[in-house]
């Protein structure tokens, strides 16, 4: 049974990587962020989604590598008060600039 689960996970990972399909947690983060120009710190995303900060951090990095998220200008985090570089969706017409 353990082998079947591992093989299924590997197949799903390969499929998502080749098709560009987002995983469940990645999609949950994208849904929480909403439309451009809203931006969030990782702590704010963790609070909004109820996910652990390490989960949010890993998935946000994957989404940045895929070009689905970008870093916004520095600002204070609403949770910690620290200066952060929030994540946001890229501008819809970003490729035109």
PDB file of N, CA and C in Angstrom:
ATOM      1  N   UNK A   1       0.819  -1.194   0.000  1.00  0.00           N
ATOM      2  CA  UNK A   1       0.000   0.000   0.000  1.00  0.00           C
ATOM      3  C   UNK A   1       0.866   1.262   0.000  1.00  0.00           C
ATOM      4  N   UNK A   2       1.916   1.257   0.814  1.00  0.00           N
ATOM      5  CA  UNK A   2       2.783   2.423   0.901  1.00  0.00           C
ATOM      6  C   UNK A   2       3.413   2.740  -0.461  1.00  0.00           C
ATOM      7  N   UNK A   3       3.799   1.723  -1.212  1.00  0.00           N
ATOM      8  CA  UNK A   3       4.398   1.925  -2.527  1.00  0.00           C
ATOM      9  C   UNK A   3       3.401   2.538  -3.493  1.00  0.00           C
ATOM     10  N   UNK A   4       2.156   2.086  -3.464  1.00  0.00           N
ATOM     11  CA  UNK A   4       1.134   2.629  -4.356  1.00  0.00           C
ATOM     12  C   UNK A   4       0.911   4.116  -4.086  1.00  0.00           C
ATOM     13  N   UNK A   5       0.882   4.499  -2.832  1.00  0.00           N
ATOM     14  CA  UNK A   5       0.701   5.906  -2.480  1.00  0.00           C
ATOM     15  C   UNK A   5       1.893   6.723  -2.967  1.00  0.00           C
ATOM     16  N   UNK A   6       3.092   6.222  -2.770  1.00  0.00           N
ATOM     17  CA  UNK A   6       4.294   6.929  -3.216  1.00  0.00           C
ATOM     18  C   UNK A   6       4.288   7.107  -4.728  1.00  0.00           C
ATOM     19  N   UNK A   7       3.925   6.073  -5.461  1.00  0.00           N
ATOM     20  CA  UNK A   7       3.881   6.160  -6.922  1.00  0.00           C
ATOM     21  C   UNK A   7       2.830   7.166  -7.382  1.00  0.00           C
ATOM     22  N   UNK A   8       1.679   7.176  -6.728  1.00  0.00           N
ATOM     23  CA  UNK A   8       0.630   8.137  -7.074  1.00  0.00           C
ATOM     24  C   UNK A   8       1.110   9.562  -6.821  1.00  0.00           C
ATOM     25  N   UNK A   9       1.778   9.780  -5.705  1.00  0.00           N
ATOM     26  CA  UNK A   9       2.303  11.107  -5.384  1.00  0.00           C
ATOM     27  C   UNK A   9       3.336  11.552  -6.409  1.00  0.00           C
ATOM     28  N   UNK A  10       4.201  10.659  -6.798  1.00  0.00           N
ATOM     29  CA  UNK A  10       5.229  10.980  -7.798  1.00  0.00           C
ATOM     30  C   UNK A  10       4.579  11.317  -9.131  1.00  0.00           C
ATOM     31  N   UNK A  11       3.593  10.532  -9.537  1.00  0.00           N
ATOM     32  CA  UNK A  11       2.887  10.794 -10.797  1.00  0.00           C
ATOM     33  C   UNK A  11       2.202  12.160 -10.765  1.00  0.00           C
ATOM     34  N   UNK A  12       1.527  12.462  -9.662  1.00  0.00           N
ATOM     35  CA  UNK A  12       0.849  13.756  -9.546  1.00  0.00           C
ATOM     36  C   UNK A  12       1.840  14.909  -9.557  1.00  0.00           C
ATOM     37  N   UNK A  13       2.959  14.754  -8.866  1.00  0.00           N
ATOM     38  CA  UNK A  13       3.985  15.792  -8.845  1.00  0.00           C
ATOM     39  C   UNK A  13       4.516  16.036 -10.254  1.00  0.00           C
ATOM     40  N   UNK A  14       4.833  14.969 -10.980  1.00  0.00           N
ATOM     41  CA  UNK A  14       5.337  15.103 -12.349  1.00  0.00           C
ATOM     42  C   UNK A  14       4.302  15.754 -13.259  1.00  0.00           C
ATOM     43  N   UNK A  15       3.038  15.371 -13.103  1.00  0.00           N
ATOM     44  CA  UNK A  15       1.966  15.936 -13.930  1.00  0.00           C
ATOM     45  C   UNK A  15       1.820  17.435 -13.662  1.00  0.00           C
ATOM     46  N   UNK A  16       1.820  17.819 -12.402  1.00  0.00           N
ATOM     47  CA  UNK A  16       1.676  19.235 -12.067  1.00  0.00           C
ATOM     48  C   UNK A  16       2.874  20.037 -12.559  1.00  0.00           C
ATOM     49  N   UNK A  17       4.044  19.458 -12.481  1.00  0.00           N
ATOM     50  CA  UNK A  17       5.253  20.161 -12.920  1.00  0.00           C
ATOM     51  C   UNK A  17       5.257  20.372 -14.433  1.00  0.00           C
ATOM     52  N   UNK A  18       4.824  19.364 -15.196  1.00  0.00           N
ATOM     53  CA  UNK A  18       4.856  19.487 -16.653  1.00  0.00           C
ATOM     54  C   UNK A  18       3.705  20.318 -17.204  1.00  0.00           C
ATOM     55  N   UNK A  19       2.538  20.273 -16.570  1.00  0.00           N
ATOM     56  CA  UNK A  19       1.379  21.019 -17.079  1.00  0.00           C
ATOM     57  C   UNK A  19       1.296  22.429 -16.514  1.00  0.00           C
ATOM     58  N   UNK A  20       2.038  22.716 -15.450  1.00  0.00           N
ATOM     59  CA  UNK A  20       1.958  24.017 -14.809  1.00  0.00           C
ATOM     60  C   UNK A  20       0.765  24.143 -13.878  1.00  0.00           C
ATOM     61  N   UNK A  21       0.071  23.053 -13.671  1.00  0.00           N
ATOM     62  CA  UNK A  21      -1.099  23.030 -12.792  1.00  0.00           C
ATOM     63  C   UNK A  21      -0.669  23.320 -11.353  1.00  0.00           C
ATOM     64  N   UNK A  22      -1.495  24.062 -10.638  1.00  0.00           N
ATOM     65  CA  UNK A  22      -1.182  24.391  -9.250  1.00  0.00           C
ATOM     66  C   UNK A  22      -1.703  23.316  -8.314  1.00  0.00           C
ATOM     67  N   UNK A  23      -0.971  23.082  -7.246  1.00  0.00           N
ATOM     68  CA  UNK A  23      -1.417  22.167  -6.210  1.00  0.00           C
ATOM     69  C   UNK A  23      -2.511  22.813  -5.363  1.00  0.00           C
ATOM     70  N   UNK A  24      -3.131  22.037  -4.504  1.00  0.00           N
ATOM     71  CA  UNK A  24      -4.241  22.525  -3.682  1.00  0.00           C
ATOM     72  C   UNK A  24      -3.819  23.699  -2.803  1.00  0.00           C
ATOM     73  N   UNK A  25      -2.687  23.582  -2.132  1.00  0.00           N
ATOM     74  CA  UNK A  25      -2.237  24.648  -1.227  1.00  0.00           C
ATOM     75  C   UNK A  25      -1.802  25.877  -2.027  1.00  0.00           C
ATOM     76  N   UNK A  26      -1.149  25.668  -3.156  1.00  0.00           N
ATOM     77  CA  UNK A  26      -0.769  26.796  -4.005  1.00  0.00           C
ATOM     78  C   UNK A  26      -2.013  27.559  -4.457  1.00  0.00           C
ATOM     79  N   UNK A  27      -3.050  26.837  -4.861  1.00  0.00           N
ATOM     80  CA  UNK A  27      -4.284  27.476  -5.304  1.00  0.00           C
ATOM     81  C   UNK A  27      -4.961  28.218  -4.152  1.00  0.00           C
ATOM     82  N   UNK A  28      -4.893  27.644  -2.974  1.00  0.00           N
ATOM     83  CA  UNK A  28      -5.464  28.292  -1.787  1.00  0.00           C
ATOM     84  C   UNK A  28      -4.771  29.633  -1.520  1.00  0.00           C
ATOM     85  N   UNK A  29      -3.463  29.675  -1.695  1.00  0.00           N
ATOM     86  CA  UNK A  29      -2.709  30.916  -1.506  1.00  0.00           C
ATOM     87  C   UNK A  29      -3.072  31.927  -2.585  1.00  0.00           C
ATOM     88  N   UNK A  30      -3.163  31.487  -3.835  1.00  0.00           N
ATOM     89  CA  UNK A  30      -3.534  32.389  -4.926  1.00  0.00           C
ATOM     90  C   UNK A  30      -4.933  32.958  -4.706  1.00  0.00           C
ATOM     91  N   UNK A  31      -5.854  32.140  -4.235  1.00  0.00           N
ATOM     92  CA  UNK A  31      -7.214  32.609  -3.957  1.00  0.00           C
ATOM     93  C   UNK A  31      -7.220  33.647  -2.837  1.00  0.00           C
ATOM     94  N   UNK A  32      -6.390  33.439  -1.823  1.00  0.00           N
ATOM     95  CA  UNK A  32      -6.325  34.375  -0.698  1.00  0.00           C
ATOM     96  C   UNK A  32      -5.742  35.721  -1.129  1.00  0.00           C
ATOM     97  N   UNK A  33      -4.798  35.705  -2.049  1.00  0.00           N
ATOM     98  CA  UNK A  33      -4.158  36.942  -2.490  1.00  0.00           C
ATOM     99  C   UNK A  33      -5.124  37.794  -3.307  1.00  0.00           C
ATOM    100  N   UNK A  34      -5.920  37.176  -4.130  1.00  0.00           N
ATOM    101  CA  UNK A  34      -6.866  37.952  -4.930  1.00  0.00           C
ATOM    102  C   UNK A  34      -6.190  38.622  -6.107  1.00  0.00           C
ATOM    103  N   UNK A  35      -6.778  39.734  -6.549  1.00  0.00           N
ATOM    104  CA  UNK A  35      -6.319  40.381  -7.777  1.00  0.00           C
ATOM    105  C   UNK A  35      -5.232  41.416  -7.497  1.00  0.00           C
ATOM    106  N   UNK A  36      -4.466  41.751  -8.543  1.00  0.00           N
ATOM    107  CA  UNK A  36      -3.452  42.793  -8.479  1.00  0.00           C
ATOM    108  C   UNK A  36      -4.159  44.083  -8.099  1.00  0.00           C
ATOM    109  N   UNK A  37      -3.670  44.946  -7.296  1.00  0.00           N
ATOM    110  CA  UNK A  37      -2.359  45.082  -6.697  1.00  0.00           C
ATOM    111  C   UNK A  37      -2.299  44.661  -5.227  1.00  0.00           C
ATOM    112  N   UNK A  38      -3.275  43.911  -4.721  1.00  0.00           N
ATOM    113  CA  UNK A  38      -3.234  43.493  -3.316  1.00  0.00           C
ATOM    114  C   UNK A  38      -1.967  42.695  -3.042  1.00  0.00           C
ATOM    115  N   UNK A  39      -1.333  42.975  -1.915  1.00  0.00           N
ATOM    116  CA  UNK A  39      -0.121  42.235  -1.553  1.00  0.00           C
ATOM    117  C   UNK A  39      -0.199  41.798  -0.097  1.00  0.00           C
ATOM    118  N   UNK A  40       0.557  40.763   0.220  1.00  0.00           N
ATOM    119  CA  UNK A  40       0.526  40.169   1.553  1.00  0.00           C
ATOM    120  C   UNK A  40       1.923  39.751   1.981  1.00  0.00           C
ATOM    121  N   UNK A  41       2.190  39.897   3.272  1.00  0.00           N
ATOM    122  CA  UNK A  41       3.393  39.283   3.834  1.00  0.00           C
ATOM    123  C   UNK A  41       3.088  37.800   4.011  1.00  0.00           C
ATOM    124  N   UNK A  42       4.108  37.002   4.210  1.00  0.00           N
ATOM    125  CA  UNK A  42       3.883  35.576   4.429  1.00  0.00           C
ATOM    126  C   UNK A  42       3.109  35.347   5.724  1.00  0.00           C
ATOM    127  N   UNK A  43       3.365  36.166   6.743  1.00  0.00           N
ATOM    128  CA  UNK A  43       2.622  36.059   8.006  1.00  0.00           C
ATOM    129  C   UNK A  43       1.148  36.396   7.795  1.00  0.00           C
ATOM    130  N   UNK A  44       0.870  37.410   6.991  1.00  0.00           N
ATOM    131  CA  UNK A  44      -0.516  37.779   6.699  1.00  0.00           C
ATOM    132  C   UNK A  44      -1.225  36.667   5.942  1.00  0.00           C
ATOM    133  N   UNK A  45      -0.517  36.041   5.004  1.00  0.00           N
ATOM    134  CA  UNK A  45      -1.096  34.909   4.267  1.00  0.00           C
ATOM    135  C   UNK A  45      -1.359  33.728   5.188  1.00  0.00           C
ATOM    136  N   UNK A  46      -0.426  33.456   6.087  1.00  0.00           N
ATOM    137  CA  UNK A  46      -0.610  32.355   7.034  1.00  0.00           C
ATOM    138  C   UNK A  46      -1.850  32.609   7.886  1.00  0.00           C
ATOM    139  N   UNK A  47      -2.018  33.838   8.315  1.00  0.00           N
ATOM    140  CA  UNK A  47      -3.178  34.198   9.132  1.00  0.00           C
ATOM    141  C   UNK A  47      -4.474  34.100   8.319  1.00  0.00           C
ATOM    142  N   UNK A  48      -4.445  34.547   7.064  1.00  0.00           N
ATOM    143  CA  UNK A  48      -5.644  34.545   6.221  1.00  0.00           C
ATOM    144  C   UNK A  48      -6.079  33.137   5.822  1.00  0.00           C
ATOM    145  N   UNK A  49      -5.109  32.243   5.621  1.00  0.00           N
ATOM    146  CA  UNK A  49      -5.432  30.895   5.142  1.00  0.00           C
ATOM    147  C   UNK A  49      -5.524  29.867   6.254  1.00  0.00           C
ATOM    148  N   UNK A  50      -4.922  30.168   7.404  1.00  0.00           N
ATOM    149  CA  UNK A  50      -4.883  29.188   8.485  1.00  0.00           C
ATOM    150  C   UNK A  50      -3.794  28.148   8.305  1.00  0.00           C
ATOM    151  N   UNK A  51      -2.914  28.362   7.330  1.00  0.00           N
ATOM    152  CA  UNK A  51      -1.801  27.441   7.076  1.00  0.00           C
ATOM    153  C   UNK A  51      -0.602  27.829   7.936  1.00  0.00           C
ATOM    154  N   UNK A  52       0.264  26.873   8.189  1.00  0.00           N
ATOM    155  CA  UNK A  52       1.497  27.141   8.934  1.00  0.00           C
ATOM    156  C   UNK A  52       2.417  28.025   8.094  1.00  0.00           C
ATOM    157  N   UNK A  53       3.209  28.866   8.757  1.00  0.00           N
ATOM    158  CA  UNK A  53       4.096  29.795   8.057  1.00  0.00           C
ATOM    159  C   UNK A  53       5.092  29.062   7.161  1.00  0.00           C
ATOM    160  N   UNK A  54       5.592  27.895   7.608  1.00  0.00           N
ATOM    161  CA  UNK A  54       6.557  27.168   6.766  1.00  0.00           C
ATOM    162  C   UNK A  54       5.882  26.635   5.505  1.00  0.00           C
ATOM    163  N   UNK A  55       4.617  26.282   5.573  1.00  0.00           N
ATOM    164  CA  UNK A  55       3.874  25.837   4.388  1.00  0.00           C
ATOM    165  C   UNK A  55       3.676  27.003   3.429  1.00  0.00           C
ATOM    166  N   UNK A  56       3.269  28.143   3.964  1.00  0.00           N
ATOM    167  CA  UNK A  56       3.046  29.330   3.138  1.00  0.00           C
ATOM    168  C   UNK A  56       4.346  29.761   2.469  1.00  0.00           C
ATOM    169  N   UNK A  57       5.435  29.769   3.216  1.00  0.00           N
ATOM    170  CA  UNK A  57       6.725  30.191   2.685  1.00  0.00           C
ATOM    171  C   UNK A  57       7.170  29.308   1.520  1.00  0.00           C
ATOM    172  N   UNK A  58       7.085  28.011   1.699  1.00  0.00           N
ATOM    173  CA  UNK A  58       7.492  27.082   0.638  1.00  0.00           C
ATOM    174  C   UNK A  58       6.648  27.217  -0.610  1.00  0.00           C
ATOM    175  N   UNK A  59       5.333  27.299  -0.430  1.00  0.00           N
ATOM    176  CA  UNK A  59       4.443  27.396  -1.593  1.00  0.00           C
ATOM    177  C   UNK A  59       4.581  28.751  -2.282  1.00  0.00           C
ATOM    178  N   UNK A  60       4.786  29.818  -1.503  1.00  0.00           N
ATOM    179  CA  UNK A  60       4.976  31.143  -2.102  1.00  0.00           C
ATOM    180  C   UNK A  60       6.255  31.170  -2.935  1.00  0.00           C
ATOM    181  N   UNK A  61       7.319  30.543  -2.462  1.00  0.00           N
ATOM    182  CA  UNK A  61       8.560  30.464  -3.245  1.00  0.00           C
ATOM    183  C   UNK A  61       8.340  29.693  -4.538  1.00  0.00           C
ATOM    184  N   UNK A  62       7.597  28.590  -4.481  1.00  0.00           N
ATOM    185  CA  UNK A  62       7.285  27.833  -5.702  1.00  0.00           C
ATOM    186  C   UNK A  62       6.489  28.695  -6.679  1.00  0.00           C
ATOM    187  N   UNK A  63       5.520  29.440  -6.170  1.00  0.00           N
ATOM    188  CA  UNK A  63       4.695  30.295  -7.024  1.00  0.00           C
ATOM    189  C   UNK A  63       5.515  31.435  -7.622  1.00  0.00           C
ATOM    190  N   UNK A  64       6.490  31.960  -6.885  1.00  0.00           N
ATOM    191  CA  UNK A  64       7.379  32.987  -7.440  1.00  0.00           C
ATOM    192  C   UNK A  64       8.235  32.403  -8.554  1.00  0.00           C
ATOM    193  N   UNK A  65       8.734  31.187  -8.369  1.00  0.00           N
ATOM    194  CA  UNK A  65       9.549  30.544  -9.399  1.00  0.00           C
ATOM    195  C   UNK A  65       8.739  30.279 -10.665  1.00  0.00           C
ATOM    196  N   UNK A  66       7.453  30.010 -10.510  1.00  0.00           N
ATOM    197  CA  UNK A  66       6.572  29.768 -11.658  1.00  0.00           C
ATOM    198  C   UNK A  66       6.108  31.065 -12.320  1.00  0.00           C
ATOM    199  N   UNK A  67       6.417  32.206 -11.704  1.00  0.00           N
ATOM    200  CA  UNK A  67       5.992  33.486 -12.249  1.00  0.00           C
ATOM    201  C   UNK A  67       4.561  33.857 -11.889  1.00  0.00           C
ATOM    202  N   UNK A  68       3.959  33.140 -10.963  1.00  0.00           N
ATOM    203  CA  UNK A  68       2.578  33.417 -10.544  1.00  0.00           C
ATOM    204  C   UNK A  68       2.519  34.511  -9.486  1.00  0.00           C
ATOM    205  N   UNK A  69       3.622  34.714  -8.765  1.00  0.00           N
ATOM    206  CA  UNK A  69       3.725  35.765  -7.756  1.00  0.00           C
ATOM    207  C   UNK A  69       5.011  36.539  -7.973  1.00  0.00           C
ATOM    208  N   UNK A  70       5.019  37.778  -7.503  1.00  0.00           N
ATOM    209  CA  UNK A  70       6.223  38.603  -7.520  1.00  0.00           C
ATOM    210  C   UNK A  70       6.307  39.342  -6.192  1.00  0.00           C
ATOM    211  N   UNK A  71       7.473  39.910  -5.914  1.00  0.00           N
ATOM    212  CA  UNK A  71       7.625  40.694  -4.690  1.00  0.00           C
ATOM    213  C   UNK A  71       7.196  42.126  -4.958  1.00  0.00           C
ATOM    214  N   UNK A  72       6.456  42.685  -4.007  1.00  0.00           N
ATOM    215  CA  UNK A  72       6.043  44.078  -4.092  1.00  0.00           C
ATOM    216  C   UNK A  72       7.040  44.970  -3.384  1.00  0.00           C
ATOM    217  N   UNK A  73       6.778  46.279  -3.375  1.00  0.00           N
ATOM    218  CA  UNK A  73       7.669  47.201  -2.669  1.00  0.00           C
ATOM    219  C   UNK A  73       7.622  46.986  -1.155  1.00  0.00           C
ATOM    220  N   UNK A  74       8.691  47.328  -0.485  1.00  0.00           N
ATOM    221  CA  UNK A  74       8.793  47.143   0.971  1.00  0.00           C
ATOM    222  C   UNK A  74       7.707  47.919   1.701  1.00  0.00           C
ATOM    223  N   UNK A  75       7.223  47.309   2.781  1.00  0.00           N
ATOM    224  CA  UNK A  75       6.245  47.955   3.654  1.00  0.00           C
ATOM    225  C   UNK A  75       6.265  47.226   4.994  1.00  0.00           C
ATOM    226  N   UNK A  76       5.546  47.754   5.965  1.00  0.00           N
ATOM    227  CA  UNK A  76       5.459  47.109   7.276  1.00  0.00           C
ATOM    228  C   UNK A  76       4.432  45.977   7.230  1.00  0.00           C
ATOM    229  N   UNK A  77       4.773  44.856   7.838  1.00  0.00           N
ATOM    230  CA  UNK A  77       3.846  43.725   7.955  1.00  0.00           C
ATOM    231  C   UNK A  77       2.762  44.101   8.959  1.00  0.00           C
ATOM    232  N   UNK A  78       1.513  43.808   8.634  1.00  0.00           N
ATOM    233  CA  UNK A  78       0.397  44.135   9.532  1.00  0.00           C
ATOM    234  C   UNK A  78       0.347  43.209  10.746  1.00  0.00           C
ATOM    235  N   UNK A  79       1.038  42.079  10.679  1.00  0.00           N
ATOM    236  CA  UNK A  79       1.050  41.128  11.797  1.00  0.00           C
ATOM    237  C   UNK A  79       2.225  41.395  12.730  1.00  0.00           C
ATOM    238  N   UNK A  80       3.429  41.495  12.160  1.00  0.00           N
ATOM    239  CA  UNK A  80       4.638  41.615  12.981  1.00  0.00           C
ATOM    240  C   UNK A  80       5.142  43.044  13.137  1.00  0.00           C
ATOM    241  N   UNK A  81       4.773  43.930  12.210  1.00  0.00           N
ATOM    242  CA  UNK A  81       5.277  45.298  12.232  1.00  0.00           C
ATOM    243  C   UNK A  81       6.647  45.447  11.602  1.00  0.00           C
ATOM    244  N   UNK A  82       7.264  44.353  11.206  1.00  0.00           N
ATOM    245  CA  UNK A  82       8.590  44.402  10.583  1.00  0.00           C
ATOM    246  C   UNK A  82       8.479  44.836   9.121  1.00  0.00           C
ATOM    247  N   UNK A  83       9.573  45.388   8.607  1.00  0.00           N
ATOM    248  CA  UNK A  83       9.623  45.746   7.197  1.00  0.00           C
ATOM    249  C   UNK A  83       9.809  44.470   6.384  1.00  0.00           C
ATOM    250  N   UNK A  84       8.944  44.282   5.402  1.00  0.00           N
ATOM    251  CA  UNK A  84       8.969  43.054   4.591  1.00  0.00           C
ATOM    252  C   UNK A  84       8.828  43.412   3.110  1.00  0.00           C
ATOM    253  N   UNK A  85       9.087  42.445   2.258  1.00  0.00           N
ATOM    254  CA  UNK A  85       8.796  42.542   0.824  1.00  0.00           C
ATOM    255  C   UNK A  85       7.613  41.612   0.577  1.00  0.00           C
ATOM    256  N   UNK A  86       6.396  42.142   0.458  1.00  0.00           N
ATOM    257  CA  UNK A  86       5.219  41.293   0.314  1.00  0.00           C
ATOM    258  C   UNK A  86       5.176  40.611  -1.050  1.00  0.00           C
ATOM    259  N   UNK A  87       4.335  39.603  -1.148  1.00  0.00           N
ATOM    260  CA  UNK A  87       4.113  38.937  -2.430  1.00  0.00           C
ATOM    261  C   UNK A  87       2.763  39.377  -2.977  1.00  0.00           C
ATOM    262  N   UNK A  88       2.673  39.385  -4.296  1.00  0.00           N
ATOM    263  CA  UNK A  88       1.440  39.757  -4.981  1.00  0.00           C
ATOM    264  C   UNK A  88       1.432  39.106  -6.355  1.00  0.00           C
ATOM    265  N   UNK A  89       0.280  39.136  -6.985  1.00  0.00           N
ATOM    266  CA  UNK A  89       0.210  38.661  -8.365  1.00  0.00           C
ATOM    267  C   UNK A  89       0.905  39.694  -9.249  1.00  0.00           C
ATOM    268  N   UNK A  90       1.528  39.247 -10.335  1.00  0.00           N
ATOM    269  CA  UNK A  90       2.132  40.214 -11.255  1.00  0.00           C
ATOM    270  C   UNK A  90       1.045  41.073 -11.911  1.00  0.00           C
ATOM    271  N   UNK A  91       1.423  42.255 -12.352  1.00  0.00           N
ATOM    272  CA  UNK A  91       0.486  43.130 -13.057  1.00  0.00           C
ATOM    273  C   UNK A  91      -0.034  42.387 -14.287  1.00  0.00           C
ATOM    274  N   UNK A  92      -1.343  42.435 -14.543  1.00  0.00           N
ATOM    275  CA  UNK A  92      -1.907  41.698 -15.679  1.00  0.00           C
ATOM    276  C   UNK A  92      -1.288  42.084 -17.020  1.00  0.00           C
ATOM    277  N   UNK A  93      -0.840  43.328 -17.148  1.00  0.00           N
ATOM    278  CA  UNK A  93      -0.221  43.765 -18.396  1.00  0.00           C
ATOM    279  C   UNK A  93       1.277  43.967 -18.227  1.00  0.00           C
ATOM    280  N   UNK A  94       1.849  43.286 -17.266  1.00  0.00           N
ATOM    281  CA  UNK A  94       3.260  43.456 -16.945  1.00  0.00           C
ATOM    282  C   UNK A  94       4.198  43.221 -18.105  1.00  0.00           C
ATOM    283  N   UNK A  95       3.842  42.301 -18.988  1.00  0.00           N
ATOM    284  CA  UNK A  95       4.727  42.001 -20.113  1.00  0.00           C
ATOM    285  C   UNK A  95       4.747  43.137 -21.133  1.00  0.00           C
ATOM    286  N   UNK A  96       3.829  44.089 -21.030  1.00  0.00           N
ATOM    287  CA  UNK A  96       3.795  45.211 -21.966  1.00  0.00           C
ATOM    288  C   UNK A  96       4.727  46.333 -21.555  1.00  0.00           C
ATOM    289  N   UNK A  97       5.184  46.327 -20.304  1.00  0.00           N
ATOM    290  CA  UNK A  97       6.006  47.423 -19.806  1.00  0.00           C
ATOM    291  C   UNK A  97       7.455  47.122 -19.901  1.00  0.00           C
TER     292      UNK A  97
END
